[in-house]
Amino acid sequence: MPADRGLFLTFEGGDGSGKSTQSALLTEWLAAGGRTVVHSREPGGTELGLELREIILHRRGYIAPRAEALLYAADRAHNIATVVRPALERGDIVIQDRYLDSSVAYQGAGRVLDADEVREVSLWATERLLPDLTILLDLDIEAGRARLDDARTRYDRLEAEAAEFHHRVREAYLALAAAEPARFLVLDAALPIDELAARIRERVSDLLA
């Protein structure tokens, strides 16, 4: 990582794994240390992304798997070009909810597309930008669904998929982490919130050092 470039951190995991909670805690800790943090998410990290998010997650009716993958890639390309890269060039820390690993897991494994092809489309869309650290919050599918049931009255298109879909997604995430152990920090999302936050801070501190 160039000394004058910021830090790109992504959170991944199944639905209900606690990404938003840990992202907020990490931001609070970094800000207390005087760091500038930029938040983003996929889909929906830009104005264009918000329009795409509505289509991807809430449009009624069928979306072909390849079309869905390409919509995510379009959102990702615009987000990286207009939000993430400018922030990194300023030396800021970018914390993002989901990135290309989500597409490999959800559209690759979940929709049963070729995972390598899905990944390559995203790498092309982002000019091959990879995170400095990807934090994978791994959680049992049933536990994640129970958390969603407690918090929401309506599922989006992907949350509403059958359990088999979500099991494929989880297995794909773990395979991605096993293939790139230097980039991934895999944590049991069932652990206490404070313990998870401490482990994340420890790994980020190493990167900042």
N, C-alpha and C. Protein backbone atom coordinates (compact mmCIF):
# COMPACT_ATOMS: atom_id res chain seq x y z
N MET A 1 0.84 -1.19 0.00
CA MET A 1 0.00 0.00 0.00
C MET A 1 0.88 1.25 0.00
N PRO A 2 0.72 2.16 -0.97
CA PRO A 2 1.52 3.38 -0.99
C PRO A 2 1.34 4.19 0.27
N ALA A 3 2.40 4.82 0.72
CA ALA A 3 2.36 5.54 1.98
C ALA A 3 1.38 6.70 1.95
N ASP A 4 1.17 7.30 0.76
CA ASP A 4 0.30 8.46 0.66
C ASP A 4 -1.13 8.09 0.30
N ARG A 5 -1.45 6.80 0.24
CA ARG A 5 -2.79 6.38 -0.10
C ARG A 5 -3.55 6.02 1.15
N GLY A 6 -4.87 6.20 1.11
CA GLY A 6 -5.69 5.84 2.26
C GLY A 6 -5.84 4.34 2.40
N LEU A 7 -6.84 3.94 3.19
CA LEU A 7 -7.06 2.53 3.51
C LEU A 7 -8.47 2.16 3.08
N PHE A 8 -8.59 1.04 2.38
CA PHE A 8 -9.88 0.57 1.89
C PHE A 8 -10.28 -0.67 2.66
N LEU A 9 -11.32 -0.55 3.48
CA LEU A 9 -11.79 -1.64 4.33
C LEU A 9 -13.21 -2.01 3.92
N THR A 10 -13.47 -3.29 3.74
CA THR A 10 -14.82 -3.72 3.38
C THR A 10 -15.34 -4.72 4.40
N PHE A 11 -16.65 -4.67 4.60
CA PHE A 11 -17.35 -5.63 5.46
C PHE A 11 -18.19 -6.54 4.59
N GLU A 12 -18.09 -7.84 4.83
CA GLU A 12 -18.86 -8.83 4.09
C GLU A 12 -19.52 -9.79 5.08
N GLY A 13 -20.52 -10.49 4.59
CA GLY A 13 -21.20 -11.47 5.42
C GLY A 13 -22.63 -11.64 4.98
N GLY A 14 -23.26 -12.67 5.50
CA GLY A 14 -24.65 -12.92 5.16
C GLY A 14 -25.56 -11.89 5.81
N ASP A 15 -26.83 -11.96 5.45
CA ASP A 15 -27.81 -11.04 5.99
C ASP A 15 -27.97 -11.26 7.50
N GLY A 16 -27.95 -10.15 8.25
CA GLY A 16 -28.10 -10.23 9.68
C GLY A 16 -26.82 -10.50 10.45
N SER A 17 -25.68 -10.42 9.78
CA SER A 17 -24.41 -10.77 10.43
C SER A 17 -23.83 -9.63 11.28
N GLY A 18 -24.38 -8.43 11.18
CA GLY A 18 -23.92 -7.34 12.03
C GLY A 18 -22.93 -6.40 11.40
N LYS A 19 -22.91 -6.34 10.08
CA LYS A 19 -21.95 -5.48 9.38
C LYS A 19 -22.13 -4.01 9.74
N SER A 20 -23.37 -3.55 9.78
CA SER A 20 -23.63 -2.14 10.07
C SER A 20 -23.17 -1.76 11.48
N THR A 21 -23.42 -2.63 12.42
CA THR A 21 -23.01 -2.37 13.81
C THR A 21 -21.50 -2.26 13.92
N GLN A 22 -20.78 -3.22 13.35
CA GLN A 22 -19.32 -3.20 13.46
C GLN A 22 -18.71 -2.06 12.65
N SER A 23 -19.31 -1.73 11.53
CA SER A 23 -18.83 -0.60 10.74
C SER A 23 -18.93 0.69 11.54
N ALA A 24 -20.05 0.88 12.24
CA ALA A 24 -20.24 2.09 13.04
C ALA A 24 -19.24 2.15 14.20
N LEU A 25 -19.00 1.02 14.84
CA LEU A 25 -18.05 1.00 15.97
C LEU A 25 -16.63 1.28 15.49
N LEU A 26 -16.26 0.72 14.35
CA LEU A 26 -14.92 0.96 13.81
C LEU A 26 -14.76 2.43 13.42
N THR A 27 -15.79 3.00 12.83
CA THR A 27 -15.74 4.41 12.46
C THR A 27 -15.55 5.29 13.69
N GLU A 28 -16.29 5.01 14.74
CA GLU A 28 -16.18 5.78 15.98
C GLU A 28 -14.77 5.72 16.54
N TRP A 29 -14.18 4.55 16.52
CA TRP A 29 -12.82 4.37 17.03
C TRP A 29 -11.80 5.11 16.18
N LEU A 30 -11.93 5.02 14.86
CA LEU A 30 -11.00 5.69 13.97
C LEU A 30 -11.12 7.21 14.09
N ALA A 31 -12.35 7.70 14.16
CA ALA A 31 -12.57 9.14 14.28
C ALA A 31 -11.98 9.67 15.59
N ALA A 32 -12.10 8.88 16.66
CA ALA A 32 -11.53 9.28 17.94
C ALA A 32 -10.01 9.39 17.86
N GLY A 33 -9.42 8.65 16.94
CA GLY A 33 -7.98 8.71 16.74
C GLY A 33 -7.56 9.76 15.72
N GLY A 34 -8.49 10.58 15.28
CA GLY A 34 -8.18 11.66 14.36
C GLY A 34 -8.19 11.28 12.89
N ARG A 35 -8.72 10.14 12.56
CA ARG A 35 -8.75 9.70 11.16
C ARG A 35 -10.02 10.19 10.47
N THR A 36 -9.90 10.47 9.18
CA THR A 36 -11.06 10.83 8.36
C THR A 36 -11.60 9.57 7.69
N VAL A 37 -12.88 9.31 7.93
CA VAL A 37 -13.50 8.09 7.42
C VAL A 37 -14.61 8.44 6.43
N VAL A 38 -14.61 7.78 5.31
CA VAL A 38 -15.65 7.91 4.30
C VAL A 38 -16.43 6.60 4.25
N HIS A 39 -17.75 6.70 4.34
CA HIS A 39 -18.60 5.50 4.30
C HIS A 39 -19.18 5.30 2.91
N SER A 40 -19.28 4.05 2.52
CA SER A 40 -19.99 3.72 1.29
C SER A 40 -20.64 2.37 1.46
N ARG A 41 -21.47 2.03 0.47
CA ARG A 41 -22.15 0.73 0.51
C ARG A 41 -22.46 0.31 -0.92
N GLU A 42 -22.72 -0.96 -1.08
CA GLU A 42 -23.15 -1.50 -2.37
C GLU A 42 -24.33 -2.43 -2.16
N PRO A 43 -25.35 -2.23 -3.00
CA PRO A 43 -25.50 -1.11 -3.92
C PRO A 43 -26.00 0.13 -3.18
N GLY A 44 -25.79 1.31 -3.77
CA GLY A 44 -26.38 2.52 -3.21
C GLY A 44 -25.43 3.51 -2.60
N GLY A 45 -24.16 3.48 -2.96
CA GLY A 45 -23.21 4.42 -2.39
C GLY A 45 -23.15 5.77 -3.08
N THR A 46 -23.91 5.92 -4.15
CA THR A 46 -23.96 7.17 -4.91
C THR A 46 -25.42 7.44 -5.28
N GLU A 47 -25.68 8.62 -5.88
CA GLU A 47 -27.04 8.91 -6.32
C GLU A 47 -27.48 7.90 -7.39
N LEU A 48 -26.60 7.63 -8.34
CA LEU A 48 -26.92 6.61 -9.34
C LEU A 48 -27.11 5.26 -8.66
N GLY A 49 -26.26 4.97 -7.69
CA GLY A 49 -26.35 3.71 -6.98
C GLY A 49 -27.67 3.53 -6.25
N LEU A 50 -28.24 4.61 -5.74
CA LEU A 50 -29.53 4.51 -5.06
C LEU A 50 -30.62 4.08 -6.04
N GLU A 51 -30.55 4.58 -7.27
CA GLU A 51 -31.52 4.17 -8.28
C GLU A 51 -31.33 2.69 -8.63
N LEU A 52 -30.07 2.30 -8.78
CA LEU A 52 -29.80 0.89 -9.08
C LEU A 52 -30.20 -0.01 -7.91
N ARG A 53 -29.97 0.46 -6.69
CA ARG A 53 -30.34 -0.33 -5.51
C ARG A 53 -31.84 -0.62 -5.50
N GLU A 54 -32.64 0.38 -5.85
CA GLU A 54 -34.08 0.18 -5.87
C GLU A 54 -34.47 -0.88 -6.89
N ILE A 55 -33.81 -0.87 -8.04
CA ILE A 55 -34.09 -1.87 -9.06
C ILE A 55 -33.65 -3.25 -8.60
N ILE A 56 -32.40 -3.33 -8.11
CA ILE A 56 -31.82 -4.62 -7.76
C ILE A 56 -32.56 -5.30 -6.61
N LEU A 57 -32.83 -4.53 -5.57
CA LEU A 57 -33.34 -5.14 -4.33
C LEU A 57 -34.85 -5.08 -4.18
N HIS A 58 -35.52 -4.16 -4.88
CA HIS A 58 -36.95 -3.99 -4.60
C HIS A 58 -37.85 -4.06 -5.82
N ARG A 59 -37.28 -4.23 -7.00
CA ARG A 59 -38.12 -4.35 -8.19
C ARG A 59 -38.93 -5.64 -8.13
N ARG A 60 -40.20 -5.50 -8.44
CA ARG A 60 -41.05 -6.69 -8.47
C ARG A 60 -40.86 -7.41 -9.80
N GLY A 61 -40.82 -8.71 -9.73
CA GLY A 61 -40.66 -9.47 -10.95
C GLY A 61 -39.25 -10.02 -11.10
N TYR A 62 -39.10 -10.83 -12.11
CA TYR A 62 -37.86 -11.59 -12.34
C TYR A 62 -36.77 -10.70 -12.94
N ILE A 63 -35.54 -10.86 -12.45
CA ILE A 63 -34.35 -10.27 -13.06
C ILE A 63 -33.41 -11.43 -13.38
N ALA A 64 -33.02 -11.57 -14.63
CA ALA A 64 -32.12 -12.65 -15.02
C ALA A 64 -30.82 -12.55 -14.22
N PRO A 65 -30.26 -13.68 -13.79
CA PRO A 65 -29.05 -13.65 -12.96
C PRO A 65 -27.90 -12.84 -13.56
N ARG A 66 -27.67 -12.97 -14.88
CA ARG A 66 -26.57 -12.21 -15.49
C ARG A 66 -26.89 -10.72 -15.50
N ALA A 67 -28.15 -10.37 -15.70
CA ALA A 67 -28.53 -8.96 -15.64
C ALA A 67 -28.32 -8.42 -14.23
N GLU A 68 -28.67 -9.20 -13.22
CA GLU A 68 -28.46 -8.79 -11.84
C GLU A 68 -26.98 -8.55 -11.56
N ALA A 69 -26.14 -9.48 -12.02
CA ALA A 69 -24.69 -9.34 -11.82
C ALA A 69 -24.15 -8.07 -12.48
N LEU A 70 -24.65 -7.77 -13.67
CA LEU A 70 -24.18 -6.59 -14.39
C LEU A 70 -24.68 -5.29 -13.74
N LEU A 71 -25.87 -5.32 -13.17
CA LEU A 71 -26.36 -4.14 -12.45
C LEU A 71 -25.47 -3.85 -11.24
N TYR A 72 -25.08 -4.89 -10.52
CA TYR A 72 -24.16 -4.70 -9.40
C TYR A 72 -22.82 -4.16 -9.89
N ALA A 73 -22.33 -4.67 -11.00
CA ALA A 73 -21.05 -4.21 -11.54
C ALA A 73 -21.13 -2.74 -11.95
N ALA A 74 -22.26 -2.33 -12.52
CA ALA A 74 -22.43 -0.92 -12.90
C ALA A 74 -22.41 -0.02 -11.67
N ASP A 75 -23.14 -0.42 -10.64
CA ASP A 75 -23.12 0.33 -9.37
C ASP A 75 -21.70 0.42 -8.83
N ARG A 76 -20.99 -0.69 -8.87
CA ARG A 76 -19.63 -0.77 -8.32
C ARG A 76 -18.67 0.12 -9.10
N ALA A 77 -18.76 0.11 -10.41
CA ALA A 77 -17.87 0.93 -11.24
C ALA A 77 -18.03 2.41 -10.90
N HIS A 78 -19.27 2.85 -10.80
CA HIS A 78 -19.53 4.28 -10.53
C HIS A 78 -19.11 4.65 -9.11
N ASN A 79 -19.37 3.78 -8.16
CA ASN A 79 -19.01 4.04 -6.77
C ASN A 79 -17.49 4.15 -6.59
N ILE A 80 -16.76 3.25 -7.20
CA ILE A 80 -15.30 3.29 -7.07
C ILE A 80 -14.74 4.54 -7.73
N ALA A 81 -15.25 4.87 -8.92
CA ALA A 81 -14.71 6.00 -9.67
C ALA A 81 -15.01 7.34 -9.00
N THR A 82 -16.20 7.47 -8.38
CA THR A 82 -16.62 8.78 -7.89
C THR A 82 -16.52 8.96 -6.38
N VAL A 83 -16.45 7.86 -5.63
CA VAL A 83 -16.40 7.97 -4.16
C VAL A 83 -15.12 7.38 -3.59
N VAL A 84 -14.87 6.12 -3.89
CA VAL A 84 -13.80 5.39 -3.20
C VAL A 84 -12.41 5.86 -3.63
N ARG A 85 -12.13 5.85 -4.92
CA ARG A 85 -10.78 6.25 -5.36
C ARG A 85 -10.43 7.69 -4.96
N PRO A 86 -11.34 8.66 -5.15
CA PRO A 86 -11.00 10.01 -4.69
C PRO A 86 -10.69 10.08 -3.20
N ALA A 87 -11.44 9.33 -2.39
CA ALA A 87 -11.17 9.32 -0.95
C ALA A 87 -9.82 8.71 -0.63
N LEU A 88 -9.49 7.60 -1.28
CA LEU A 88 -8.19 6.97 -1.05
C LEU A 88 -7.05 7.88 -1.48
N GLU A 89 -7.25 8.59 -2.58
CA GLU A 89 -6.20 9.50 -3.05
C GLU A 89 -5.99 10.68 -2.11
N ARG A 90 -7.03 11.04 -1.36
CA ARG A 90 -6.90 12.09 -0.33
C ARG A 90 -6.22 11.56 0.92
N GLY A 91 -6.09 10.25 1.03
CA GLY A 91 -5.51 9.66 2.23
C GLY A 91 -6.53 9.28 3.27
N ASP A 92 -7.82 9.27 2.90
CA ASP A 92 -8.88 8.93 3.85
C ASP A 92 -8.99 7.41 4.01
N ILE A 93 -9.72 7.01 5.03
CA ILE A 93 -10.06 5.61 5.22
C ILE A 93 -11.48 5.39 4.71
N VAL A 94 -11.64 4.46 3.81
CA VAL A 94 -12.97 4.12 3.27
C VAL A 94 -13.44 2.83 3.93
N ILE A 95 -14.63 2.89 4.54
CA ILE A 95 -15.27 1.70 5.10
C ILE A 95 -16.51 1.44 4.26
N GLN A 96 -16.59 0.27 3.68
CA GLN A 96 -17.68 -0.01 2.75
C GLN A 96 -18.42 -1.29 3.13
N ASP A 97 -19.72 -1.21 3.08
CA ASP A 97 -20.60 -2.35 3.31
C ASP A 97 -20.79 -3.07 1.98
N ARG A 98 -20.11 -4.19 1.81
CA ARG A 98 -20.13 -5.06 0.63
C ARG A 98 -19.28 -4.51 -0.52
N TYR A 99 -18.68 -5.47 -1.25
CA TYR A 99 -17.89 -5.12 -2.43
C TYR A 99 -17.93 -6.33 -3.37
N LEU A 100 -16.90 -6.53 -4.14
CA LEU A 100 -16.95 -7.56 -5.19
C LEU A 100 -17.11 -8.97 -4.64
N ASP A 101 -16.65 -9.21 -3.41
CA ASP A 101 -16.83 -10.55 -2.84
C ASP A 101 -18.31 -10.89 -2.69
N SER A 102 -19.15 -9.87 -2.47
CA SER A 102 -20.59 -10.11 -2.40
C SER A 102 -21.12 -10.63 -3.72
N SER A 103 -20.63 -10.07 -4.83
CA SER A 103 -21.10 -10.54 -6.13
C SER A 103 -20.66 -11.97 -6.39
N VAL A 104 -19.42 -12.29 -6.03
CA VAL A 104 -18.95 -13.66 -6.23
C VAL A 104 -19.80 -14.63 -5.41
N ALA A 105 -20.15 -14.22 -4.18
CA ALA A 105 -20.93 -15.10 -3.31
C ALA A 105 -22.40 -15.15 -3.70
N TYR A 106 -23.02 -13.99 -3.89
CA TYR A 106 -24.46 -13.95 -4.13
C TYR A 106 -24.84 -14.26 -5.57
N GLN A 107 -24.15 -13.63 -6.52
CA GLN A 107 -24.50 -13.89 -7.92
C GLN A 107 -23.75 -15.12 -8.45
N GLY A 108 -22.49 -15.30 -8.03
CA GLY A 108 -21.75 -16.46 -8.46
C GLY A 108 -22.32 -17.74 -7.87
N ALA A 109 -22.23 -17.88 -6.55
CA ALA A 109 -22.70 -19.11 -5.90
C ALA A 109 -24.21 -19.13 -5.74
N GLY A 110 -24.77 -18.02 -5.24
CA GLY A 110 -26.21 -17.99 -5.00
C GLY A 110 -27.02 -18.20 -6.26
N ARG A 111 -26.67 -17.48 -7.32
CA ARG A 111 -27.40 -17.59 -8.59
C ARG A 111 -26.81 -18.67 -9.51
N VAL A 112 -25.79 -19.34 -9.05
CA VAL A 112 -25.15 -20.43 -9.79
C VAL A 112 -24.63 -19.95 -11.14
N LEU A 113 -23.91 -18.83 -11.11
CA LEU A 113 -23.16 -18.36 -12.26
C LEU A 113 -21.70 -18.76 -12.08
N ASP A 114 -20.88 -18.55 -13.10
CA ASP A 114 -19.46 -18.85 -13.00
C ASP A 114 -18.80 -17.79 -12.11
N ALA A 115 -18.28 -18.22 -10.96
CA ALA A 115 -17.73 -17.28 -9.99
C ALA A 115 -16.54 -16.51 -10.54
N ASP A 116 -15.69 -17.16 -11.31
CA ASP A 116 -14.53 -16.48 -11.88
C ASP A 116 -14.96 -15.40 -12.86
N GLU A 117 -15.99 -15.67 -13.65
CA GLU A 117 -16.48 -14.67 -14.59
C GLU A 117 -17.09 -13.48 -13.85
N VAL A 118 -17.86 -13.74 -12.80
CA VAL A 118 -18.46 -12.67 -12.02
C VAL A 118 -17.37 -11.79 -11.40
N ARG A 119 -16.35 -12.42 -10.85
CA ARG A 119 -15.25 -11.67 -10.25
C ARG A 119 -14.52 -10.84 -11.30
N GLU A 120 -14.29 -11.40 -12.48
CA GLU A 120 -13.55 -10.69 -13.51
C GLU A 120 -14.32 -9.46 -14.00
N VAL A 121 -15.63 -9.58 -14.11
CA VAL A 121 -16.44 -8.42 -14.49
C VAL A 121 -16.27 -7.29 -13.47
N SER A 122 -16.28 -7.63 -12.20
CA SER A 122 -16.12 -6.61 -11.16
C SER A 122 -14.72 -6.02 -11.17
N LEU A 123 -13.72 -6.85 -11.39
CA LEU A 123 -12.36 -6.33 -11.45
C LEU A 123 -12.18 -5.37 -12.62
N TRP A 124 -12.79 -5.70 -13.75
CA TRP A 124 -12.75 -4.79 -14.90
C TRP A 124 -13.47 -3.48 -14.56
N ALA A 125 -14.63 -3.58 -13.92
CA ALA A 125 -15.43 -2.40 -13.59
C ALA A 125 -14.71 -1.46 -12.64
N THR A 126 -13.85 -1.99 -11.79
CA THR A 126 -13.19 -1.18 -10.76
C THR A 126 -11.71 -0.94 -11.03
N GLU A 127 -11.28 -1.30 -12.24
CA GLU A 127 -9.86 -1.20 -12.58
C GLU A 127 -9.00 -1.98 -11.60
N ARG A 128 -9.56 -3.13 -11.19
CA ARG A 128 -8.86 -4.14 -10.39
C ARG A 128 -8.51 -3.68 -8.97
N LEU A 129 -9.30 -2.79 -8.43
CA LEU A 129 -9.07 -2.34 -7.06
C LEU A 129 -9.56 -3.39 -6.07
N LEU A 130 -8.68 -3.82 -5.17
CA LEU A 130 -9.03 -4.74 -4.09
C LEU A 130 -8.90 -4.04 -2.74
N PRO A 131 -9.69 -4.45 -1.76
CA PRO A 131 -9.57 -3.85 -0.43
C PRO A 131 -8.24 -4.21 0.23
N ASP A 132 -7.81 -3.35 1.13
CA ASP A 132 -6.64 -3.67 1.96
C ASP A 132 -7.01 -4.71 3.01
N LEU A 133 -8.26 -4.70 3.43
CA LEU A 133 -8.74 -5.67 4.41
C LEU A 133 -10.23 -5.90 4.18
N THR A 134 -10.62 -7.17 4.16
CA THR A 134 -12.03 -7.53 4.08
C THR A 134 -12.40 -8.28 5.35
N ILE A 135 -13.34 -7.75 6.08
CA ILE A 135 -13.79 -8.35 7.34
C ILE A 135 -15.04 -9.16 7.06
N LEU A 136 -14.93 -10.46 7.19
CA LEU A 136 -16.05 -11.37 6.93
C LEU A 136 -16.66 -11.79 8.25
N LEU A 137 -17.89 -11.38 8.47
CA LEU A 137 -18.63 -11.76 9.67
C LEU A 137 -19.47 -12.98 9.32
N ASP A 138 -19.01 -14.13 9.78
CA ASP A 138 -19.63 -15.40 9.43
C ASP A 138 -20.67 -15.79 10.48
N LEU A 139 -21.87 -16.10 10.00
CA LEU A 139 -22.97 -16.42 10.93
C LEU A 139 -23.83 -17.53 10.37
N ASP A 140 -24.27 -18.40 11.25
CA ASP A 140 -25.20 -19.46 10.88
C ASP A 140 -26.42 -18.85 10.19
N ILE A 141 -26.87 -19.49 9.11
CA ILE A 141 -27.96 -18.94 8.29
C ILE A 141 -29.23 -18.74 9.12
N GLU A 142 -29.58 -19.70 9.93
CA GLU A 142 -30.80 -19.59 10.73
C GLU A 142 -30.70 -18.46 11.76
N ALA A 143 -29.52 -18.28 12.34
CA ALA A 143 -29.33 -17.20 13.30
C ALA A 143 -29.46 -15.84 12.61
N GLY A 144 -28.91 -15.74 11.41
CA GLY A 144 -29.04 -14.49 10.68
C GLY A 144 -30.48 -14.18 10.33
N ARG A 145 -31.23 -15.19 9.92
CA ARG A 145 -32.63 -14.98 9.59
C ARG A 145 -33.43 -14.55 10.82
N ALA A 146 -33.11 -15.12 11.98
CA ALA A 146 -33.80 -14.73 13.21
C ALA A 146 -33.54 -13.26 13.54
N ARG A 147 -32.30 -12.80 13.31
CA ARG A 147 -31.98 -11.39 13.54
C ARG A 147 -32.79 -10.50 12.60
N LEU A 148 -32.91 -10.91 11.34
CA LEU A 148 -33.69 -10.13 10.39
C LEU A 148 -35.16 -10.10 10.79
N ASP A 149 -35.67 -11.22 11.25
CA ASP A 149 -37.08 -11.28 11.67
C ASP A 149 -37.35 -10.30 12.80
N ASP A 150 -36.37 -10.12 13.68
CA ASP A 150 -36.54 -9.21 14.80
C ASP A 150 -36.47 -7.74 14.37
N ALA A 151 -35.75 -7.48 13.27
CA ALA A 151 -35.47 -6.09 12.90
C ALA A 151 -36.31 -5.57 11.74
N ARG A 152 -36.87 -6.44 10.91
CA ARG A 152 -37.51 -5.98 9.68
C ARG A 152 -38.90 -6.55 9.49
N THR A 153 -39.69 -5.80 8.74
CA THR A 153 -41.03 -6.27 8.40
C THR A 153 -41.09 -6.75 6.95
N ARG A 154 -40.08 -6.38 6.14
CA ARG A 154 -40.09 -6.77 4.73
C ARG A 154 -38.68 -7.14 4.29
N TYR A 155 -38.56 -8.27 3.60
CA TYR A 155 -37.27 -8.69 3.06
C TYR A 155 -37.08 -8.11 1.66
N ASP A 156 -35.81 -7.83 1.30
CA ASP A 156 -35.54 -7.46 -0.08
C ASP A 156 -35.46 -8.73 -0.93
N ARG A 157 -35.21 -8.57 -2.23
CA ARG A 157 -35.24 -9.70 -3.14
C ARG A 157 -34.25 -10.81 -2.75
N LEU A 158 -33.06 -10.42 -2.30
CA LEU A 158 -32.05 -11.43 -1.97
C LEU A 158 -32.30 -12.03 -0.59
N GLU A 159 -32.69 -11.20 0.37
CA GLU A 159 -33.00 -11.73 1.70
C GLU A 159 -34.13 -12.75 1.64
N ALA A 160 -35.05 -12.58 0.69
CA ALA A 160 -36.22 -13.45 0.59
C ALA A 160 -35.93 -14.79 -0.08
N GLU A 161 -34.71 -14.98 -0.56
CA GLU A 161 -34.38 -16.25 -1.21
C GLU A 161 -34.41 -17.41 -0.20
N ALA A 162 -34.56 -18.61 -0.74
CA ALA A 162 -34.65 -19.81 0.10
C ALA A 162 -33.35 -20.08 0.84
N ALA A 163 -33.43 -20.90 1.88
CA ALA A 163 -32.27 -21.19 2.72
C ALA A 163 -31.12 -21.79 1.91
N GLU A 164 -31.44 -22.61 0.89
CA GLU A 164 -30.39 -23.23 0.08
C GLU A 164 -29.52 -22.16 -0.60
N PHE A 165 -30.15 -21.11 -1.06
CA PHE A 165 -29.43 -19.99 -1.67
C PHE A 165 -28.43 -19.40 -0.67
N HIS A 166 -28.89 -19.14 0.54
CA HIS A 166 -28.04 -18.50 1.54
C HIS A 166 -26.93 -19.43 2.04
N HIS A 167 -27.19 -20.73 2.04
CA HIS A 167 -26.13 -21.67 2.40
C HIS A 167 -25.02 -21.66 1.33
N ARG A 168 -25.40 -21.58 0.07
CA ARG A 168 -24.39 -21.48 -0.99
C ARG A 168 -23.58 -20.20 -0.86
N VAL A 169 -24.24 -19.12 -0.51
CA VAL A 169 -23.54 -17.84 -0.31
C VAL A 169 -22.53 -17.95 0.82
N ARG A 170 -22.95 -18.52 1.93
CA ARG A 170 -22.03 -18.64 3.07
C ARG A 170 -20.82 -19.49 2.73
N GLU A 171 -21.04 -20.61 2.07
CA GLU A 171 -19.93 -21.49 1.69
C GLU A 171 -18.98 -20.78 0.73
N ALA A 172 -19.54 -19.98 -0.16
CA ALA A 172 -18.69 -19.24 -1.11
C ALA A 172 -17.83 -18.20 -0.39
N TYR A 173 -18.41 -17.51 0.56
CA TYR A 173 -17.64 -16.54 1.34
C TYR A 173 -16.46 -17.21 2.05
N LEU A 174 -16.71 -18.33 2.68
CA LEU A 174 -15.65 -19.02 3.41
C LEU A 174 -14.57 -19.52 2.45
N ALA A 175 -14.96 -19.94 1.26
CA ALA A 175 -13.98 -20.37 0.27
C ALA A 175 -13.13 -19.19 -0.22
N LEU A 176 -13.75 -18.04 -0.40
CA LEU A 176 -13.01 -16.84 -0.80
C LEU A 176 -11.98 -16.47 0.27
N ALA A 177 -12.39 -16.53 1.51
CA ALA A 177 -11.48 -16.18 2.60
C ALA A 177 -10.33 -17.16 2.70
N ALA A 178 -10.61 -18.44 2.48
CA ALA A 178 -9.55 -19.45 2.52
C ALA A 178 -8.55 -19.24 1.39
N ALA A 179 -9.02 -18.73 0.26
CA ALA A 179 -8.15 -18.53 -0.90
C ALA A 179 -7.29 -17.27 -0.76
N GLU A 180 -7.72 -16.30 0.05
CA GLU A 180 -6.97 -15.05 0.23
C GLU A 180 -6.85 -14.71 1.72
N PRO A 181 -6.15 -15.54 2.48
CA PRO A 181 -6.10 -15.32 3.94
C PRO A 181 -5.43 -14.01 4.33
N ALA A 182 -4.55 -13.48 3.51
CA ALA A 182 -3.89 -12.22 3.85
C ALA A 182 -4.84 -11.04 3.79
N ARG A 183 -5.85 -11.13 2.93
CA ARG A 183 -6.80 -10.01 2.78
C ARG A 183 -7.98 -10.14 3.73
N PHE A 184 -8.37 -11.33 4.09
CA PHE A 184 -9.59 -11.54 4.88
C PHE A 184 -9.29 -11.67 6.37
N LEU A 185 -10.19 -11.11 7.17
CA LEU A 185 -10.27 -11.40 8.60
C LEU A 185 -11.64 -12.03 8.82
N VAL A 186 -11.65 -13.32 9.14
CA VAL A 186 -12.92 -14.04 9.33
C VAL A 186 -13.22 -14.12 10.81
N LEU A 187 -14.42 -13.67 11.18
CA LEU A 187 -14.83 -13.65 12.58
C LEU A 187 -16.19 -14.31 12.75
N ASP A 188 -16.36 -14.97 13.87
CA ASP A 188 -17.63 -15.60 14.21
C ASP A 188 -18.59 -14.49 14.65
N ALA A 189 -19.60 -14.20 13.84
CA ALA A 189 -20.50 -13.09 14.13
C ALA A 189 -21.40 -13.35 15.33
N ALA A 190 -21.37 -14.57 15.87
CA ALA A 190 -22.15 -14.87 17.06
C ALA A 190 -21.44 -14.41 18.34
N LEU A 191 -20.18 -14.01 18.23
CA LEU A 191 -19.45 -13.52 19.40
C LEU A 191 -20.04 -12.21 19.89
N PRO A 192 -19.78 -11.83 21.15
CA PRO A 192 -20.27 -10.55 21.66
C PRO A 192 -19.78 -9.38 20.81
N ILE A 193 -20.60 -8.38 20.68
CA ILE A 193 -20.30 -7.22 19.84
C ILE A 193 -18.96 -6.59 20.21
N ASP A 194 -18.72 -6.41 21.50
CA ASP A 194 -17.48 -5.75 21.94
C ASP A 194 -16.25 -6.58 21.59
N GLU A 195 -16.37 -7.90 21.68
CA GLU A 195 -15.23 -8.76 21.35
C GLU A 195 -14.92 -8.69 19.86
N LEU A 196 -15.96 -8.70 19.05
CA LEU A 196 -15.75 -8.56 17.61
C LEU A 196 -15.08 -7.23 17.28
N ALA A 197 -15.57 -6.17 17.89
CA ALA A 197 -15.01 -4.84 17.64
C ALA A 197 -13.54 -4.78 18.02
N ALA A 198 -13.17 -5.41 19.12
CA ALA A 198 -11.78 -5.40 19.56
C ALA A 198 -10.88 -6.14 18.58
N ARG A 199 -11.35 -7.26 18.07
CA ARG A 199 -10.55 -8.02 17.10
C ARG A 199 -10.38 -7.26 15.79
N ILE A 200 -11.42 -6.55 15.38
CA ILE A 200 -11.32 -5.74 14.17
C ILE A 200 -10.34 -4.59 14.37
N ARG A 201 -10.42 -3.91 15.51
CA ARG A 201 -9.50 -2.80 15.80
C ARG A 201 -8.05 -3.27 15.80
N GLU A 202 -7.83 -4.46 16.35
CA GLU A 202 -6.46 -4.99 16.40
C GLU A 202 -5.89 -5.18 15.00
N ARG A 203 -6.68 -5.73 14.09
CA ARG A 203 -6.21 -5.97 12.72
C ARG A 203 -6.03 -4.64 11.98
N VAL A 204 -6.95 -3.71 12.14
CA VAL A 204 -6.82 -2.41 11.49
C VAL A 204 -5.61 -1.65 12.03
N SER A 205 -5.35 -1.77 13.32
CA SER A 205 -4.17 -1.11 13.89
C SER A 205 -2.90 -1.59 13.23
N ASP A 206 -2.83 -2.87 12.94
CA ASP A 206 -1.65 -3.41 12.25
C ASP A 206 -1.49 -2.78 10.89
N LEU A 207 -2.58 -2.58 10.17
CA LEU A 207 -2.51 -1.96 8.85
C LEU A 207 -2.08 -0.50 8.96
N LEU A 208 -2.61 0.20 9.93
CA LEU A 208 -2.29 1.61 10.10
C LEU A 208 -0.82 1.80 10.50
N ALA A 209 -0.28 0.81 11.20
CA ALA A 209 1.12 0.90 11.64
C ALA A 209 2.08 0.73 10.49
